[in-house]
Amino acid sequence: MLTIVKSLALNGLEAYIVRVEVDVSRGLPGFEIVGPYSRHSS
């Protein structure tokens, strides 16, 4: 079952939108971070 949750990450007074995708299925427990990691620069 795939679920997508929108959340916020705070850095001082700035907030960044974070999209979290969770897939719950049978099997061994695991944790993966996938996708580009980027910092917002002004």
PDB file of N, CA and C in Angstrom:
ATOM      1  N   MET A   1       0.849  -1.156   0.000  1.00  0.00           N
ATOM      2  CA  MET A   1       0.000   0.000   0.000  1.00  0.00           C
ATOM      3  C   MET A   1       0.905   1.233   0.000  1.00  0.00           C
ATOM      4  N   LEU A   2       0.758   2.082  -1.001  1.00  0.00           N
ATOM      5  CA  LEU A   2       1.557   3.295  -1.131  1.00  0.00           C
ATOM      6  C   LEU A   2       0.771   4.477  -0.591  1.00  0.00           C
ATOM      7  N   THR A   3       1.419   5.260   0.255  1.00  0.00           N
ATOM      8  CA  THR A   3       0.801   6.458   0.819  1.00  0.00           C
ATOM      9  C   THR A   3       1.752   7.628   0.630  1.00  0.00           C
ATOM     10  N   ILE A   4       1.209   8.782   0.270  1.00  0.00           N
ATOM     11  CA  ILE A   4       1.998   9.999   0.099  1.00  0.00           C
ATOM     12  C   ILE A   4       1.513  11.033   1.109  1.00  0.00           C
ATOM     13  N   VAL A   5       2.457  11.598   1.866  1.00  0.00           N
ATOM     14  CA  VAL A   5       2.145  12.569   2.906  1.00  0.00           C
ATOM     15  C   VAL A   5       2.949  13.831   2.634  1.00  0.00           C
ATOM     16  N   LYS A   6       2.310  14.980   2.736  1.00  0.00           N
ATOM     17  CA  LYS A   6       3.014  16.256   2.613  1.00  0.00           C
ATOM     18  C   LYS A   6       3.283  16.792   4.014  1.00  0.00           C
ATOM     19  N   SER A   7       4.509  17.285   4.227  1.00  0.00           N
ATOM     20  CA  SER A   7       4.903  17.782   5.532  1.00  0.00           C
ATOM     21  C   SER A   7       5.790  19.002   5.342  1.00  0.00           C
ATOM     22  N   LEU A   8       6.304  19.538   6.430  1.00  0.00           N
ATOM     23  CA  LEU A   8       7.191  20.695   6.387  1.00  0.00           C
ATOM     24  C   LEU A   8       8.475  20.392   7.140  1.00  0.00           C
ATOM     25  N   ALA A   9       9.560  20.972   6.665  1.00  0.00           N
ATOM     26  CA  ALA A   9      10.833  20.928   7.381  1.00  0.00           C
ATOM     27  C   ALA A   9      11.195  22.368   7.719  1.00  0.00           C
ATOM     28  N   LEU A  10      11.540  22.607   8.960  1.00  0.00           N
ATOM     29  CA  LEU A  10      11.857  23.959   9.403  1.00  0.00           C
ATOM     30  C   LEU A  10      13.363  24.157   9.485  1.00  0.00           C
ATOM     31  N   ASN A  11      13.801  25.332   9.037  1.00  0.00           N
ATOM     32  CA  ASN A  11      15.186  25.745   9.150  1.00  0.00           C
ATOM     33  C   ASN A  11      15.158  27.197   9.614  1.00  0.00           C
ATOM     34  N   GLY A  12      15.217  27.393  10.921  1.00  0.00           N
ATOM     35  CA  GLY A  12      15.072  28.744  11.461  1.00  0.00           C
ATOM     36  C   GLY A  12      13.644  29.213  11.257  1.00  0.00           C
ATOM     37  N   LEU A  13      13.471  30.327  10.559  1.00  0.00           N
ATOM     38  CA  LEU A  13      12.135  30.847  10.271  1.00  0.00           C
ATOM     39  C   LEU A  13      11.622  30.427   8.901  1.00  0.00           C
ATOM     40  N   GLU A  14      12.435  29.681   8.162  1.00  0.00           N
ATOM     41  CA  GLU A  14      12.033  29.234   6.829  1.00  0.00           C
ATOM     42  C   GLU A  14      11.445  27.825   6.901  1.00  0.00           C
ATOM     43  N   ALA A  15      10.428  27.580   6.093  1.00  0.00           N
ATOM     44  CA  ALA A  15       9.805  26.252   6.020  1.00  0.00           C
ATOM     45  C   ALA A  15       9.923  25.721   4.594  1.00  0.00           C
ATOM     46  N   TYR A  16      10.207  24.441   4.485  1.00  0.00           N
ATOM     47  CA  TYR A  16      10.339  23.788   3.193  1.00  0.00           C
ATOM     48  C   TYR A  16       9.316  22.660   3.113  1.00  0.00           C
ATOM     49  N   ILE A  17       8.677  22.524   1.967  1.00  0.00           N
ATOM     50  CA  ILE A  17       7.704  21.449   1.765  1.00  0.00           C
ATOM     51  C   ILE A  17       8.454  20.148   1.514  1.00  0.00           C
ATOM     52  N   VAL A  18       8.044  19.091   2.213  1.00  0.00           N
ATOM     53  CA  VAL A  18       8.650  17.772   2.074  1.00  0.00           C
ATOM     54  C   VAL A  18       7.556  16.790   1.686  1.00  0.00           C
ATOM     55  N   ARG A  19       7.805  16.010   0.648  1.00  0.00           N
ATOM     56  CA  ARG A  19       6.866  14.966   0.224  1.00  0.00           C
ATOM     57  C   ARG A  19       7.431  13.624   0.655  1.00  0.00           C
ATOM     58  N   VAL A  20       6.672  12.888   1.457  1.00  0.00           N
ATOM     59  CA  VAL A  20       7.112  11.600   1.986  1.00  0.00           C
ATOM     60  C   VAL A  20       6.249  10.505   1.368  1.00  0.00           C
ATOM     61  N   GLU A  21       6.890   9.517   0.747  1.00  0.00           N
ATOM     62  CA  GLU A  21       6.178   8.376   0.179  1.00  0.00           C
ATOM     63  C   GLU A  21       6.501   7.148   1.019  1.00  0.00           C
ATOM     64  N   VAL A  22       5.456   6.450   1.461  1.00  0.00           N
ATOM     65  CA  VAL A  22       5.620   5.277   2.322  1.00  0.00           C
ATOM     66  C   VAL A  22       4.951   4.090   1.652  1.00  0.00           C
ATOM     67  N   ASP A  23       5.680   2.988   1.567  1.00  0.00           N
ATOM     68  CA  ASP A  23       5.136   1.755   1.009  1.00  0.00           C
ATOM     69  C   ASP A  23       5.211   0.684   2.087  1.00  0.00           C
ATOM     70  N   VAL A  24       4.056   0.212   2.529  1.00  0.00           N
ATOM     71  CA  VAL A  24       3.995  -0.822   3.557  1.00  0.00           C
ATOM     72  C   VAL A  24       3.647  -2.138   2.877  1.00  0.00           C
ATOM     73  N   SER A  25       4.544  -3.112   2.998  1.00  0.00           N
ATOM     74  CA  SER A  25       4.309  -4.415   2.381  1.00  0.00           C
ATOM     75  C   SER A  25       4.962  -5.502   3.230  1.00  0.00           C
ATOM     76  N   ARG A  26       4.684  -6.730   2.885  1.00  0.00           N
ATOM     77  CA  ARG A  26       5.280  -7.854   3.600  1.00  0.00           C
ATOM     78  C   ARG A  26       6.749  -7.979   3.228  1.00  0.00           C
ATOM     79  N   GLY A  27       7.510  -8.556   4.126  1.00  0.00           N
ATOM     80  CA  GLY A  27       8.927  -8.773   3.858  1.00  0.00           C
ATOM     81  C   GLY A  27       9.778  -8.258   5.012  1.00  0.00           C
ATOM     82  N   LEU A  28      11.063  -8.233   4.783  1.00  0.00           N
ATOM     83  CA  LEU A  28      11.991  -7.766   5.805  1.00  0.00           C
ATOM     84  C   LEU A  28      11.881  -6.253   5.962  1.00  0.00           C
ATOM     85  N   PRO A  29      12.045  -5.740   7.189  1.00  0.00           N
ATOM     86  CA  PRO A  29      11.991  -4.291   7.378  1.00  0.00           C
ATOM     87  C   PRO A  29      13.161  -3.609   6.679  1.00  0.00           C
ATOM     88  N   GLY A  30      12.922  -2.451   6.140  1.00  0.00           N
ATOM     89  CA  GLY A  30      13.974  -1.709   5.465  1.00  0.00           C
ATOM     90  C   GLY A  30      13.657  -0.224   5.429  1.00  0.00           C
ATOM     91  N   PHE A  31      14.670   0.572   5.134  1.00  0.00           N
ATOM     92  CA  PHE A  31      14.519   2.022   5.076  1.00  0.00           C
ATOM     93  C   PHE A  31      15.408   2.538   3.958  1.00  0.00           C
ATOM     94  N   GLU A  32      14.839   3.309   3.037  1.00  0.00           N
ATOM     95  CA  GLU A  32      15.607   3.863   1.924  1.00  0.00           C
ATOM     96  C   GLU A  32      15.258   5.325   1.736  1.00  0.00           C
ATOM     97  N   ILE A  33      16.262   6.125   1.443  1.00  0.00           N
ATOM     98  CA  ILE A  33      16.046   7.512   1.046  1.00  0.00           C
ATOM     99  C   ILE A  33      16.405   7.583  -0.427  1.00  0.00           C
ATOM    100  N   VAL A  34      15.433   7.989  -1.251  1.00  0.00           N
ATOM    101  CA  VAL A  34      15.616   7.988  -2.694  1.00  0.00           C
ATOM    102  C   VAL A  34      15.291   9.372  -3.231  1.00  0.00           C
ATOM    103  N   GLY A  35      16.015   9.800  -4.230  1.00  0.00           N
ATOM    104  CA  GLY A  35      15.707  11.060  -4.894  1.00  0.00           C
ATOM    105  C   GLY A  35      16.785  12.099  -4.652  1.00  0.00           C
ATOM    106  N   PRO A  36      16.641  13.210  -5.339  1.00  0.00           N
ATOM    107  CA  PRO A  36      17.670  14.258  -5.223  1.00  0.00           C
ATOM    108  C   PRO A  36      17.564  14.983  -3.885  1.00  0.00           C
ATOM    109  N   TYR A  37      18.698  15.275  -3.334  1.00  0.00           N
ATOM    110  CA  TYR A  37      18.780  16.088  -2.133  1.00  0.00           C
ATOM    111  C   TYR A  37      19.306  17.441  -2.574  1.00  0.00           C
ATOM    112  N   SER A  38      18.558  18.479  -2.340  1.00  0.00           N
ATOM    113  CA  SER A  38      19.016  19.796  -2.754  1.00  0.00           C
ATOM    114  C   SER A  38      18.734  20.800  -1.655  1.00  0.00           C
ATOM    115  N   ARG A  39      19.560  21.812  -1.581  1.00  0.00           N
ATOM    116  CA  ARG A  39      19.355  22.905  -0.623  1.00  0.00           C
ATOM    117  C   ARG A  39      18.813  24.099  -1.384  1.00  0.00           C
ATOM    118  N   HIS A  40      17.878  24.764  -0.765  1.00  0.00           N
ATOM    119  CA  HIS A  40      17.308  25.959  -1.368  1.00  0.00           C
ATOM    120  C   HIS A  40      18.273  27.106  -1.175  1.00  0.00           C
ATOM    121  N   SER A  41      18.670  27.751  -2.253  1.00  0.00           N
ATOM    122  CA  SER A  41      19.569  28.891  -2.133  1.00  0.00           C
ATOM    123  C   SER A  41      18.920  30.115  -2.740  1.00  0.00           C
ATOM    124  N   SER A  42      19.014  31.196  -2.056  1.00  0.00           N
ATOM    125  CA  SER A  42      18.422  32.456  -2.540  1.00  0.00           C
ATOM    126  C   SER A  42      19.430  33.273  -3.292  1.00  0.00           C
TER     127      SER A  42
END
